[in-house]
Amino acid sequence: MISSPTRGAGSPIRGPASTARCCGAHPTPSRQARAIASIRIDRVVLQSIGSPLGARVTEFRAALCARRSGRAQGCREEMCREERAAKLIEQCILAAAITPDPTEPPRMDDFSYTNGRLHAEGVPVDEIASKVGTPTFVYSSATLLGHYRRLAEAFAPVDPAICFAVKSCGNPEICRLVAGAGAGFDVVSVGELERVWLSGAPMSGVVFAGVGKRRDEMLAALDGRFSPLAGSGVKVNGMGPEGRGPIGLFNVESEQELEVLEDAAREAGVVASATLRVNPDVDAKTHRHTTTGKRENKLGIDLARAPAAFDRFGDSPHLNLRGLHMHLGSPIYSPDPYTEALKRILIRIDEIERNGHRIDRLNIGGGIGADYETGSTPSYSTYAERIVPMLLPLVGRGVKILMEPGRTLIANAGVLLVRVEYVKETSGGRFVVCDAGMNALIRPALYDAFHFVWPVRVGEGQAPARRSKKPEGPGLVPSHVVGPICESADAFIRDWPMPPVERGDLLAVFSAGAYGMSMASTYNDHPLPAEVLVDKGSWRTIRARQSVAAMLLGPEACGPQPAETTA
């Protein structure tokens, strides 16, 4: 969670006050800490994993002593910062020695075929479809929590606050699940903010991002009296939104937004904690619609302008401008964009601190990829091995690291079940027409995204050993798997070799947990799908299918919606 010291009635205030600065005769503390960190961290922590613990620690200590004895006498403050950084790095060396290096790729998900039948955590998904109907998103709690745990373990040396990106999958039950594992939340609208509150998560663990925050949204995030649910009678844990305090952080995307946030905080009578989102002009090498860290993108401000923003707003009585934030895009299948961006950002952090401003937050965003194909994403440890050493010096001097994963946690934790309505042969190929398409999962139409599609029941030898863009097996037939929407773009996948299917068969669209239901629509007046959560051999409906009456007349015209549960 993102903690913040308080003043008075729960108003966030600044972190620890900056102490006296170095006399100027020596490198600044931030540069000094980085120099100390770079002495042996790469070679000791990364290249000598597997060597004896004593030799690694001894080598580190010897290098540190040599460094100190060979330089001029430093300031007391500088030495204290150096000692803290050194202690932290030594702890990380110890941790690297006793923690197994996760070189084996993690299990992709908990969806598997047994005797030709697709199961989710041991539950046959066709049984779920027979009771709930289709289209339906089915989520695996074991997959979601497993990915969360592995991510937290990989980045444990910097103890990040992991804030789940609600935009990827905002069902309140999913939010409760990740909150129970220790996650905070990354929201981008007042609607997502209220979803998180309804899930029972504390507001102190919420980070509010987004390039177009309205003033009323800021007020709702600062003080529950301004919530759109205030006065509605809705309560969580016996309390309405009116009693809740401010969120943990705002990720602010422009100087003008800082002005609006400052004014909103003044009205609410609190101090708003914020980080400044910067654009490092780094290509994440992902789809042009989902890259967000290049200078032509609308997100953040130019990195070079960050110091001036701190000079202007750093002493505001209503703003606590605590650090920097970046988000480069998604999905990112290499640590390279992160390290390149961090190199540029760390230089600006030094500049900001030299100007007298305290930095105690760095949000590195999200974007780590998901396995749309088996093994397509590097392990979390692969990212961490490159990123963590760059962050350790910051952590050593009290900077809290934040991350905002979404897709990488939830994508493989969900499948979309659809039913075949018709199979037709034309001169253009074999079309498998399903009861949902881009209305339920728009990613293939919007991003040309790949999703592995396969029948829920298959014959002998047809259960896929791995999911790839070139499936193999006996009796596969090239097919266009499409939906019912009146758009030529409405296709899950084209020219796709898969086992032959007939009217009434079930198909599973894999890796559909992220940006599936959260981007679903009622286009062509198709009601929204149902959502089901599988957990330890049982399942329950966590969002009932929208009825046509509810879609057209509003849910109040239909009464309570039934929910199915089975052990």
Protein backbone atom coordinates (compact mmCIF):
# COMPACT_ATOMS: atom_id res chain seq x y z
CA MET A 1 0.00 0.00 0.00
CA ILE A 2 1.03 3.59 -0.51
CA SER A 3 1.38 5.17 2.87
CA SER A 4 1.45 8.87 3.47
CA PRO A 5 2.14 10.77 6.68
CA THR A 6 -0.83 12.75 7.85
CA ARG A 7 -1.55 16.11 9.31
CA GLY A 8 -4.71 17.02 11.13
CA ALA A 9 -7.78 15.09 10.00
CA GLY A 10 -6.13 12.73 7.59
CA SER A 11 -4.68 15.22 5.12
CA PRO A 12 -1.65 13.85 3.28
CA ILE A 13 1.47 15.91 3.78
CA ARG A 14 5.02 15.76 2.56
CA GLY A 15 7.33 12.88 3.31
CA PRO A 16 10.42 13.29 5.51
CA ALA A 17 11.80 16.79 5.30
CA SER A 18 15.05 17.19 3.37
CA THR A 19 18.08 17.52 5.60
CA ALA A 20 20.89 19.98 5.01
CA ARG A 21 22.53 19.53 1.65
CA CYS A 22 26.15 18.58 1.04
CA CYS A 23 28.66 21.43 1.30
CA GLY A 24 29.24 21.19 -2.44
CA ALA A 25 32.85 19.99 -2.28
CA HIS A 26 31.82 16.41 -3.05
CA PRO A 27 29.43 14.64 -5.44
CA THR A 28 25.76 15.06 -4.54
CA PRO A 29 24.30 12.26 -2.38
CA SER A 30 22.30 10.86 -5.29
CA ARG A 31 25.32 10.59 -7.55
CA GLN A 32 27.41 9.24 -4.70
CA ALA A 33 24.85 6.57 -3.89
CA ARG A 34 24.67 5.59 -7.55
CA ALA A 35 28.46 5.39 -7.75
CA ILE A 36 28.58 3.13 -4.68
CA ALA A 37 25.78 0.98 -6.08
CA SER A 38 27.59 0.53 -9.37
CA ILE A 39 30.85 -0.69 -7.82
CA ARG A 40 29.91 -4.35 -7.65
CA ILE A 41 26.15 -4.62 -7.97
CA ASP A 42 26.14 -5.78 -11.62
CA ARG A 43 28.96 -8.29 -11.25
CA VAL A 44 28.16 -9.51 -7.75
CA VAL A 45 24.39 -9.73 -7.92
CA LEU A 46 23.90 -10.63 -11.56
CA GLN A 47 27.00 -12.33 -12.92
CA SER A 48 28.16 -14.25 -9.85
CA ILE A 49 24.86 -15.79 -8.84
CA GLY A 50 25.73 -19.26 -7.70
CA SER A 51 29.13 -18.36 -6.26
CA PRO A 52 29.67 -18.80 -2.49
CA LEU A 53 27.88 -16.26 -0.37
CA GLY A 54 30.94 -15.34 1.72
CA ALA A 55 33.08 -14.55 -1.31
CA ARG A 56 30.42 -12.31 -2.80
CA VAL A 57 29.86 -10.32 0.38
CA THR A 58 33.61 -10.07 1.06
CA GLU A 59 34.22 -8.77 -2.45
CA PHE A 60 31.51 -6.16 -2.03
CA ARG A 61 32.85 -4.99 1.33
CA ALA A 62 36.44 -4.81 0.06
CA ALA A 63 35.39 -2.72 -2.93
CA LEU A 64 33.39 -0.40 -0.69
CA CYS A 65 36.32 0.10 1.70
CA ALA A 66 38.69 0.80 -1.16
CA ARG A 67 36.27 3.32 -2.55
CA ARG A 68 35.99 5.13 0.79
CA SER A 69 39.70 5.18 1.62
CA GLY A 70 40.59 6.57 -1.77
CA ARG A 71 38.32 9.58 -1.77
CA ALA A 72 38.27 12.84 0.12
CA GLN A 73 36.54 13.07 3.46
CA GLY A 74 32.82 13.60 2.85
CA CYS A 75 30.01 15.31 4.68
CA ARG A 76 28.23 13.54 7.52
CA GLU A 77 24.96 13.48 5.59
CA GLU A 78 26.65 12.05 2.53
CA MET A 79 28.25 9.27 4.57
CA CYS A 80 24.90 8.39 6.15
CA ARG A 81 23.26 8.12 2.75
CA GLU A 82 26.20 6.05 1.53
CA GLU A 83 25.93 3.70 4.51
CA ARG A 84 22.21 3.16 3.92
CA ALA A 85 22.74 2.41 0.23
CA ALA A 86 25.62 0.06 1.04
CA LYS A 87 23.57 -1.80 3.66
CA LEU A 88 20.68 -2.25 1.26
CA ILE A 89 22.88 -3.55 -1.52
CA GLU A 90 24.54 -6.01 0.86
CA GLN A 91 21.09 -7.23 1.90
CA CYS A 92 20.23 -7.78 -1.75
CA ILE A 93 23.41 -9.79 -2.23
CA LEU A 94 22.40 -11.97 0.70
CA ALA A 95 18.89 -12.34 -0.70
CA ALA A 96 20.25 -13.32 -4.10
CA ALA A 97 22.32 -16.02 -2.47
CA ILE A 98 19.50 -17.67 -0.53
CA THR A 99 16.65 -17.15 -3.00
CA PRO A 100 16.49 -19.61 -5.90
CA ASP A 101 16.86 -17.90 -9.24
CA PRO A 102 13.56 -18.55 -11.11
CA THR A 103 15.09 -19.56 -14.43
CA GLU A 104 12.28 -21.94 -15.30
CA PRO A 105 9.42 -20.16 -17.10
CA PRO A 106 6.26 -20.02 -14.98
CA ARG A 107 3.20 -21.98 -15.93
CA MET A 108 1.27 -19.99 -18.53
CA ASP A 109 -2.09 -20.45 -16.83
CA ASP A 110 -4.38 -22.97 -15.12
CA PHE A 111 -6.44 -23.82 -18.21
CA SER A 112 -5.65 -27.28 -19.56
CA TYR A 113 -7.15 -30.17 -21.50
CA THR A 114 -7.89 -33.46 -19.76
CA ASN A 115 -9.32 -36.33 -21.81
CA GLY A 116 -10.05 -33.92 -24.64
CA ARG A 117 -11.98 -31.48 -22.47
CA LEU A 118 -10.87 -27.98 -21.39
CA HIS A 119 -10.72 -27.39 -17.64
CA ALA A 120 -10.14 -24.30 -15.52
CA GLU A 121 -8.40 -25.31 -12.28
CA GLY A 122 -9.93 -28.75 -12.70
CA VAL A 123 -13.44 -27.48 -13.47
CA PRO A 124 -14.80 -28.43 -16.95
CA VAL A 125 -15.58 -25.11 -18.61
CA ASP A 126 -18.39 -26.62 -20.70
CA GLU A 127 -20.25 -27.30 -17.45
CA ILE A 128 -19.97 -23.60 -16.61
CA ALA A 129 -21.28 -22.66 -20.06
CA SER A 130 -24.21 -25.07 -19.74
CA LYS A 131 -25.41 -23.20 -16.63
CA VAL A 132 -24.37 -19.61 -17.36
CA GLY A 133 -24.60 -19.56 -21.14
CA THR A 134 -22.34 -17.75 -23.61
CA PRO A 135 -20.55 -15.48 -24.21
CA THR A 136 -18.86 -15.73 -20.80
CA PHE A 137 -15.48 -14.70 -19.46
CA VAL A 138 -14.01 -17.35 -17.14
CA TYR A 139 -11.19 -16.27 -14.82
CA SER A 140 -8.75 -18.46 -12.89
CA SER A 141 -7.86 -17.09 -9.45
CA ALA A 142 -4.83 -19.42 -9.24
CA THR A 143 -3.39 -17.96 -12.43
CA LEU A 144 -3.96 -14.36 -11.38
CA LEU A 145 -2.51 -14.80 -7.89
CA GLY A 146 0.36 -16.91 -9.22
CA HIS A 147 1.44 -14.17 -11.62
CA TYR A 148 1.11 -11.57 -8.87
CA ARG A 149 3.24 -13.61 -6.49
CA ARG A 150 5.99 -14.22 -9.05
CA LEU A 151 6.11 -10.53 -9.99
CA ALA A 152 6.36 -9.50 -6.33
CA GLU A 153 9.10 -12.06 -5.70
CA ALA A 154 11.14 -10.96 -8.72
CA PHE A 155 11.13 -7.29 -7.64
CA ALA A 156 11.31 -7.99 -3.90
CA PRO A 157 14.75 -6.32 -3.47
CA VAL A 158 13.10 -2.93 -4.08
CA ASP A 159 9.85 -3.79 -2.26
CA PRO A 160 7.58 -2.04 -4.78
CA ALA A 161 4.00 -0.98 -4.22
CA ILE A 162 2.23 -3.05 -6.89
CA CYS A 163 -0.86 -1.20 -8.10
CA PHE A 164 -3.14 -3.33 -10.27
CA ALA A 165 -4.30 -1.49 -13.41
CA VAL A 166 -8.08 -1.52 -13.08
CA LYS A 167 -8.46 -0.62 -16.75
CA SER A 168 -7.33 -4.13 -17.67
CA CYS A 169 -10.15 -5.88 -15.77
CA GLY A 170 -12.29 -3.95 -13.35
CA ASN A 171 -14.65 -6.54 -11.90
CA PRO A 172 -14.94 -5.82 -8.15
CA GLU A 173 -14.30 -9.49 -7.32
CA ILE A 174 -11.05 -9.38 -9.28
CA CYS A 175 -10.14 -6.21 -7.38
CA ARG A 176 -10.88 -7.91 -4.06
CA LEU A 177 -8.74 -10.87 -5.05
CA VAL A 178 -5.62 -8.83 -5.85
CA ALA A 179 -6.21 -6.51 -2.87
CA GLY A 180 -6.17 -9.57 -0.64
CA ALA A 181 -2.76 -10.46 -2.11
CA GLY A 182 -1.44 -7.04 -1.13
CA ALA A 183 -2.00 -4.96 -4.25
CA GLY A 184 -2.95 -1.33 -4.51
CA PHE A 185 -4.73 0.07 -7.57
CA ASP A 186 -4.04 2.21 -10.61
CA VAL A 187 -7.23 3.98 -11.75
CA VAL A 188 -7.82 6.38 -14.63
CA SER A 189 -11.36 7.68 -13.99
CA VAL A 190 -13.79 8.36 -11.19
CA GLY A 191 -15.70 5.25 -12.29
CA GLU A 192 -12.65 3.08 -11.72
CA LEU A 193 -12.04 4.89 -8.43
CA GLU A 194 -15.54 3.99 -7.22
CA ARG A 195 -15.09 0.38 -8.39
CA VAL A 196 -12.05 0.11 -6.15
CA TRP A 197 -13.89 1.68 -3.22
CA LEU A 198 -16.82 -0.72 -3.73
CA SER A 199 -14.38 -3.62 -3.62
CA GLY A 200 -13.43 -2.58 -0.08
CA ALA A 201 -9.84 -1.55 -0.84
CA PRO A 202 -8.38 1.39 1.12
CA MET A 203 -8.08 4.68 -0.74
CA SER A 204 -4.51 5.08 0.51
CA GLY A 205 -3.49 2.34 -1.94
CA VAL A 206 -4.93 4.09 -5.00
CA VAL A 207 -2.93 5.90 -7.67
CA PHE A 208 -5.00 8.10 -10.01
CA ALA A 209 -3.52 8.34 -13.53
CA GLY A 210 -5.02 9.51 -16.82
CA VAL A 211 -4.35 12.42 -19.15
CA GLY A 212 -7.80 14.02 -18.89
CA LYS A 213 -8.83 14.06 -15.22
CA ARG A 214 -11.71 16.41 -14.55
CA ARG A 215 -11.76 18.65 -11.48
CA ASP A 216 -14.81 16.85 -10.06
CA GLU A 217 -12.93 13.54 -10.37
CA MET A 218 -10.00 15.02 -8.47
CA LEU A 219 -12.33 16.21 -5.71
CA ALA A 220 -13.90 12.74 -5.41
CA ALA A 221 -10.42 11.26 -5.06
CA LEU A 222 -9.42 13.82 -2.43
CA ASP A 223 -12.54 13.71 -0.27
CA GLY A 224 -15.40 11.20 -0.31
CA ARG A 225 -17.92 14.00 0.27
CA PHE A 226 -17.46 14.82 -3.42
CA SER A 227 -17.95 11.21 -4.58
CA PRO A 228 -20.71 10.69 -7.18
CA LEU A 229 -21.98 7.96 -4.82
CA ALA A 230 -22.27 10.35 -1.86
CA GLY A 231 -25.83 10.45 -0.59
CA SER A 232 -26.78 7.28 -2.49
CA GLY A 233 -26.99 5.14 0.62
CA VAL A 234 -24.32 2.78 -0.68
CA LYS A 235 -22.00 1.62 2.08
CA VAL A 236 -18.82 -0.44 2.21
CA ASN A 237 -17.90 -2.00 5.53
CA GLY A 238 -20.68 0.01 7.10
CA MET A 239 -19.45 3.36 5.82
CA GLY A 240 -20.55 5.53 2.92
CA PRO A 241 -18.08 7.32 0.65
CA GLU A 242 -18.51 10.53 2.65
CA GLY A 243 -16.20 9.21 5.35
CA ARG A 244 -13.27 8.20 3.19
CA GLY A 245 -10.03 10.12 2.95
CA PRO A 246 -7.77 11.03 0.04
CA ILE A 247 -6.11 8.57 -2.31
CA GLY A 248 -2.41 7.82 -2.09
CA LEU A 249 -1.14 9.56 -5.23
CA PHE A 250 -2.10 11.38 -8.39
CA ASN A 251 -0.02 10.80 -11.53
CA VAL A 252 -0.21 14.30 -13.03
CA GLU A 253 0.29 14.72 -16.77
CA SER A 254 0.73 18.47 -17.34
CA GLU A 255 1.47 21.76 -15.65
CA GLN A 256 -2.10 22.84 -16.26
CA GLU A 257 -3.35 19.73 -14.50
CA LEU A 258 -1.13 20.59 -11.54
CA GLU A 259 -2.90 23.95 -11.36
CA VAL A 260 -6.31 22.29 -11.34
CA LEU A 261 -5.26 19.71 -8.75
CA GLU A 262 -3.82 22.43 -6.53
CA ASP A 263 -7.11 24.33 -6.71
CA ALA A 264 -9.16 21.19 -6.01
CA ALA A 265 -6.99 20.35 -2.99
CA ARG A 266 -7.45 23.88 -1.69
CA GLU A 267 -11.23 23.48 -1.90
CA ALA A 268 -11.13 20.06 -0.23
CA GLY A 269 -8.87 21.37 2.51
CA VAL A 270 -6.20 18.71 2.04
CA VAL A 271 -2.72 18.39 0.57
CA ALA A 272 -2.73 16.31 -2.62
CA SER A 273 0.21 13.92 -3.04
CA ALA A 274 1.34 13.64 -6.65
CA THR A 275 4.01 12.38 -8.99
CA LEU A 276 4.69 14.03 -12.33
CA ARG A 277 4.29 11.77 -15.35
CA VAL A 278 7.18 12.34 -17.73
CA ASN A 279 7.60 11.29 -21.32
CA PRO A 280 11.17 9.96 -21.75
CA ASP A 281 10.80 9.60 -25.54
CA VAL A 282 11.55 5.88 -25.53
CA ASP A 283 10.03 3.47 -28.05
CA ALA A 284 8.49 0.49 -26.27
CA LYS A 285 8.34 -1.36 -29.60
CA THR A 286 4.71 -2.30 -29.25
CA HIS A 287 1.57 -1.51 -31.27
CA ARG A 288 1.33 2.13 -32.32
CA HIS A 289 -1.98 2.45 -30.48
CA THR A 290 -0.52 1.25 -27.19
CA THR A 291 2.90 2.91 -27.10
CA THR A 292 2.77 5.83 -24.68
CA GLY A 293 6.34 6.95 -23.97
CA LYS A 294 7.33 8.68 -27.22
CA ARG A 295 7.38 12.43 -27.70
CA GLU A 296 4.49 12.33 -30.19
CA ASN A 297 2.22 10.60 -27.66
CA LYS A 298 -0.28 12.59 -25.62
CA LEU A 299 0.77 11.16 -22.25
CA GLY A 300 2.96 13.01 -19.76
CA ILE A 301 5.21 16.05 -20.17
CA ASP A 302 8.61 16.27 -21.80
CA LEU A 303 11.20 14.94 -19.40
CA ALA A 304 13.31 18.08 -19.79
CA ARG A 305 10.47 20.19 -18.36
CA ALA A 306 10.19 18.24 -15.12
CA PRO A 307 12.70 20.29 -13.10
CA ALA A 308 10.88 23.51 -13.94
CA ALA A 309 7.56 21.99 -12.82
CA PHE A 310 9.12 21.11 -9.46
CA ASP A 311 10.52 24.62 -9.14
CA ARG A 312 7.06 26.06 -9.77
CA PHE A 313 4.93 23.70 -7.67
CA GLY A 314 7.42 22.14 -5.25
CA ASP A 315 6.60 24.51 -2.40
CA SER A 316 2.83 24.66 -2.87
CA PRO A 317 0.91 24.45 0.43
CA HIS A 318 -1.73 22.28 -1.26
CA LEU A 319 0.49 19.96 -3.34
CA ASN A 320 3.08 17.43 -2.26
CA LEU A 321 4.95 16.82 -5.51
CA ARG A 322 6.83 13.70 -4.49
CA GLY A 323 8.47 12.23 -7.57
CA LEU A 324 8.21 11.07 -11.16
CA HIS A 325 6.06 8.58 -13.04
CA MET A 326 6.50 6.90 -16.40
CA HIS A 327 4.51 4.40 -18.44
CA LEU A 328 5.97 3.39 -21.77
CA GLY A 329 3.16 1.32 -23.27
CA SER A 330 2.01 -2.30 -23.40
CA PRO A 331 2.78 -5.10 -24.02
CA ILE A 332 6.56 -4.78 -23.68
CA TYR A 333 8.53 -7.98 -24.30
CA SER A 334 11.99 -6.81 -23.26
CA PRO A 335 13.50 -4.94 -20.32
CA ASP A 336 15.43 -2.67 -22.72
CA PRO A 337 12.82 0.12 -22.96
CA TYR A 338 12.61 0.28 -19.16
CA THR A 339 16.36 0.56 -18.66
CA GLU A 340 16.71 3.17 -21.39
CA ALA A 341 13.94 5.27 -19.88
CA LEU A 342 15.33 4.91 -16.36
CA LYS A 343 18.76 6.11 -17.48
CA ARG A 344 17.18 9.34 -18.66
CA ILE A 345 14.87 9.72 -15.68
CA LEU A 346 17.59 9.18 -13.07
CA ILE A 347 19.55 12.08 -14.54
CA ARG A 348 16.52 14.35 -14.10
CA ILE A 349 15.95 13.11 -10.57
CA ASP A 350 19.49 14.21 -9.71
CA GLU A 351 18.82 17.60 -11.27
CA ILE A 352 15.57 18.04 -9.36
CA GLU A 353 17.24 17.13 -6.08
CA ARG A 354 20.17 19.48 -6.76
CA ASN A 355 17.56 22.21 -7.06
CA GLY A 356 16.51 21.49 -3.48
CA HIS A 357 13.45 19.28 -3.97
CA ARG A 358 12.94 15.98 -2.18
CA ILE A 359 12.13 12.92 -4.33
CA ASP A 360 10.61 10.00 -2.42
CA ARG A 361 8.48 8.29 -5.11
CA LEU A 362 9.31 6.77 -8.50
CA ASN A 363 6.54 5.02 -10.40
CA ILE A 364 7.90 2.87 -13.25
CA GLY A 365 4.42 2.10 -14.60
CA GLY A 366 3.36 -1.20 -16.11
CA GLY A 367 3.45 -2.74 -19.56
CA ILE A 368 5.19 -6.09 -19.00
CA GLY A 369 3.84 -8.52 -21.58
CA ALA A 370 1.61 -11.58 -21.34
CA ASP A 371 1.88 -14.97 -23.01
CA TYR A 372 -0.52 -14.76 -25.92
CA GLU A 373 1.76 -17.47 -27.29
CA THR A 374 3.37 -20.00 -24.99
CA GLY A 375 6.69 -18.63 -23.73
CA SER A 376 6.50 -15.35 -25.65
CA THR A 377 7.15 -13.18 -22.59
CA PRO A 378 10.43 -13.27 -20.64
CA SER A 379 10.20 -14.29 -16.99
CA TYR A 380 9.68 -11.54 -14.42
CA SER A 381 13.18 -12.24 -13.12
CA THR A 382 14.54 -11.34 -16.57
CA TYR A 383 13.00 -7.88 -16.27
CA ALA A 384 14.02 -7.53 -12.63
CA GLU A 385 17.66 -8.46 -13.24
CA ARG A 386 18.01 -5.40 -15.47
CA ILE A 387 15.71 -2.97 -13.68
CA VAL A 388 16.31 -3.64 -9.98
CA PRO A 389 20.01 -2.66 -9.92
CA MET A 390 19.08 0.74 -11.34
CA LEU A 391 16.51 1.29 -8.59
CA LEU A 392 18.47 0.04 -5.57
CA PRO A 393 20.37 3.31 -4.95
CA LEU A 394 17.08 5.21 -4.90
CA VAL A 395 15.55 2.75 -2.47
CA GLY A 396 18.63 3.02 -0.32
CA ARG A 397 17.98 6.69 0.24
CA GLY A 398 14.28 6.31 0.97
CA VAL A 399 12.56 6.42 -2.43
CA LYS A 400 9.46 4.21 -2.68
CA ILE A 401 9.10 2.36 -6.00
CA LEU A 402 5.67 1.81 -7.55
CA MET A 403 4.58 -0.47 -10.39
CA GLU A 404 1.27 -0.58 -12.31
CA PRO A 405 0.86 -4.05 -13.85
CA GLY A 406 -2.42 -5.10 -15.42
CA ARG A 407 -2.21 -7.20 -18.57
CA THR A 408 0.71 -9.29 -17.32
CA LEU A 409 -1.32 -10.41 -14.30
CA ILE A 410 -4.82 -10.93 -15.69
CA ALA A 411 -4.51 -11.66 -19.45
CA ASN A 412 -3.64 -15.34 -19.13
CA ALA A 413 -6.03 -15.67 -16.19
CA GLY A 414 -9.09 -15.40 -18.44
CA VAL A 415 -10.71 -17.15 -21.40
CA LEU A 416 -13.77 -16.10 -23.35
CA LEU A 417 -16.26 -18.89 -24.05
CA VAL A 418 -18.34 -18.47 -27.21
CA ARG A 419 -20.72 -20.81 -28.98
CA VAL A 420 -20.72 -21.62 -32.68
CA GLU A 421 -23.96 -20.45 -34.31
CA TYR A 422 -23.19 -21.34 -37.90
CA VAL A 423 -20.46 -22.86 -40.06
CA LYS A 424 -20.55 -21.83 -43.68
CA GLU A 425 -18.34 -22.47 -46.67
CA THR A 426 -17.84 -19.73 -49.25
CA SER A 427 -15.41 -19.07 -52.06
CA GLY A 428 -13.52 -16.98 -49.50
CA GLY A 429 -13.08 -19.81 -47.04
CA ARG A 430 -14.71 -21.54 -44.12
CA PHE A 431 -16.42 -19.18 -41.68
CA VAL A 432 -17.14 -20.21 -38.12
CA VAL A 433 -19.75 -17.69 -36.90
CA CYS A 434 -19.96 -17.32 -33.12
CA ASP A 435 -22.42 -15.68 -30.75
CA ALA A 436 -19.92 -12.94 -29.82
CA GLY A 437 -17.12 -11.11 -31.55
CA MET A 438 -15.65 -7.65 -31.33
CA ASN A 439 -18.48 -6.61 -28.99
CA ALA A 440 -16.99 -8.94 -26.34
CA LEU A 441 -13.29 -8.86 -27.32
CA ILE A 442 -12.27 -5.94 -29.51
CA ARG A 443 -8.50 -6.46 -29.35
CA PRO A 444 -8.16 -8.43 -32.62
CA ALA A 445 -10.17 -5.81 -34.53
CA LEU A 446 -8.54 -2.80 -32.87
CA TYR A 447 -4.92 -3.92 -32.57
CA ASP A 448 -4.65 -6.90 -34.95
CA ALA A 449 -3.99 -8.79 -31.73
CA PHE A 450 -3.42 -12.54 -31.69
CA HIS A 451 -5.58 -14.76 -29.47
CA PHE A 452 -5.33 -18.52 -29.56
CA VAL A 453 -8.77 -20.00 -30.33
CA TRP A 454 -9.58 -23.69 -29.85
CA PRO A 455 -12.62 -25.92 -29.33
CA VAL A 456 -13.48 -26.72 -25.71
CA ARG A 457 -13.84 -30.41 -26.65
CA VAL A 458 -11.35 -32.02 -29.03
CA GLY A 459 -10.56 -35.43 -30.44
CA GLU A 460 -7.58 -37.64 -29.74
CA GLY A 461 -4.28 -35.87 -30.37
CA GLN A 462 -5.93 -32.49 -30.89
CA ALA A 463 -5.35 -30.96 -27.44
CA PRO A 464 -2.70 -28.29 -28.06
CA ALA A 465 0.68 -29.00 -26.48
CA ARG A 466 1.46 -25.31 -26.70
CA ARG A 467 -0.34 -22.24 -27.98
CA SER A 468 1.29 -20.66 -30.99
CA LYS A 469 0.43 -18.93 -34.23
CA LYS A 470 1.21 -22.16 -36.08
CA PRO A 471 -0.77 -24.91 -34.35
CA GLU A 472 -0.13 -28.52 -35.18
CA GLY A 473 -2.24 -31.65 -34.92
CA PRO A 474 -4.29 -34.13 -36.90
CA GLY A 475 -7.33 -33.08 -38.89
CA LEU A 476 -6.97 -29.29 -38.61
CA VAL A 477 -9.10 -27.22 -40.98
CA PRO A 478 -8.31 -23.58 -42.00
CA SER A 479 -11.14 -21.39 -40.68
CA HIS A 480 -12.13 -17.77 -40.19
CA VAL A 481 -13.49 -17.48 -36.64
CA VAL A 482 -15.83 -14.49 -36.66
CA GLY A 483 -18.60 -12.86 -34.65
CA PRO A 484 -22.15 -11.62 -35.32
CA ILE A 485 -21.34 -7.90 -35.63
CA CYS A 486 -22.05 -6.07 -38.88
CA GLU A 487 -18.41 -5.16 -39.47
CA SER A 488 -15.87 -6.90 -41.68
CA ALA A 489 -13.34 -6.30 -38.89
CA ASP A 490 -15.37 -8.55 -36.59
CA ALA A 491 -13.10 -11.59 -36.44
CA PHE A 492 -11.22 -13.31 -33.65
CA ILE A 493 -8.76 -14.86 -36.10
CA ARG A 494 -8.53 -15.61 -39.84
CA ASP A 495 -7.06 -18.48 -41.84
CA TRP A 496 -6.71 -20.37 -38.60
CA PRO A 497 -5.98 -24.13 -38.61
CA MET A 498 -8.10 -25.78 -35.93
CA PRO A 499 -10.15 -28.94 -35.39
CA PRO A 500 -13.43 -28.93 -37.31
CA VAL A 501 -16.46 -27.69 -35.37
CA GLU A 502 -20.22 -27.77 -35.81
CA ARG A 503 -23.16 -25.60 -34.86
CA GLY A 504 -23.54 -25.60 -31.07
CA ASP A 505 -19.91 -26.36 -30.25
CA LEU A 506 -18.03 -24.26 -27.70
CA LEU A 507 -14.84 -22.37 -28.47
CA ALA A 508 -12.37 -20.88 -25.99
CA VAL A 509 -10.59 -17.65 -26.83
CA PHE A 510 -7.48 -17.76 -24.65
CA SER A 511 -5.56 -14.99 -22.86
CA ALA A 512 -8.70 -12.85 -22.87
CA GLY A 513 -8.62 -11.70 -19.24
CA ALA A 514 -7.11 -8.28 -19.97
CA TYR A 515 -8.94 -5.63 -21.99
CA GLY A 516 -11.74 -8.06 -22.73
CA MET A 517 -14.71 -7.31 -20.51
CA SER A 518 -13.32 -3.87 -19.68
CA MET A 519 -13.53 -2.91 -23.38
CA ALA A 520 -16.72 -4.86 -24.18
CA SER A 521 -19.67 -2.95 -25.60
CA THR A 522 -23.32 -3.35 -26.52
CA TYR A 523 -22.63 -2.52 -30.17
CA ASN A 524 -25.45 -3.78 -32.42
CA ASP A 525 -27.43 -4.04 -29.15
CA HIS A 526 -25.82 -7.26 -28.03
CA PRO A 527 -25.96 -7.47 -24.20
CA LEU A 528 -22.74 -7.64 -22.22
CA PRO A 529 -21.28 -11.08 -21.39
CA ALA A 530 -21.29 -12.82 -18.02
CA GLU A 531 -18.19 -13.21 -15.87
CA VAL A 532 -17.27 -16.26 -13.79
CA LEU A 533 -14.45 -16.79 -11.28
CA VAL A 534 -12.99 -20.25 -10.67
CA ASP A 535 -11.26 -20.72 -7.34
CA LYS A 536 -9.93 -23.97 -5.85
CA GLY A 537 -12.24 -26.29 -7.71
CA SER A 538 -15.43 -24.26 -7.43
CA TRP A 539 -16.84 -21.38 -9.40
CA ARG A 540 -19.27 -18.52 -9.05
CA THR A 541 -20.77 -15.86 -11.27
CA ILE A 542 -19.19 -12.52 -10.45
CA ARG A 543 -21.20 -10.58 -13.01
CA ALA A 544 -24.53 -11.80 -14.33
CA ARG A 545 -25.16 -11.65 -18.04
CA GLN A 546 -26.84 -8.42 -19.06
CA SER A 547 -30.38 -9.02 -20.26
CA VAL A 548 -31.88 -7.27 -23.26
CA ALA A 549 -34.41 -5.64 -20.94
CA ALA A 550 -31.68 -4.31 -18.67
CA MET A 551 -29.72 -3.07 -21.67
CA LEU A 552 -32.69 -1.21 -23.13
CA LEU A 553 -34.62 -0.14 -20.03
CA GLY A 554 -31.97 -0.07 -17.29
CA PRO A 555 -31.35 -2.65 -14.56
CA GLU A 556 -33.98 -1.11 -12.26
CA ALA A 557 -36.67 -2.25 -14.71
CA CYS A 558 -35.65 -5.90 -14.36
CA GLY A 559 -35.22 -6.53 -10.65
CA PRO A 560 -32.32 -8.49 -9.19
CA GLN A 561 -30.26 -10.61 -11.56
CA PRO A 562 -29.74 -14.29 -10.65
CA ALA A 563 -26.29 -15.60 -9.84
CA GLU A 564 -25.21 -19.22 -10.30
CA THR A 565 -22.77 -20.95 -7.98
CA THR A 566 -21.60 -24.54 -7.79
CA ALA A 567 -19.11 -26.49 -5.76
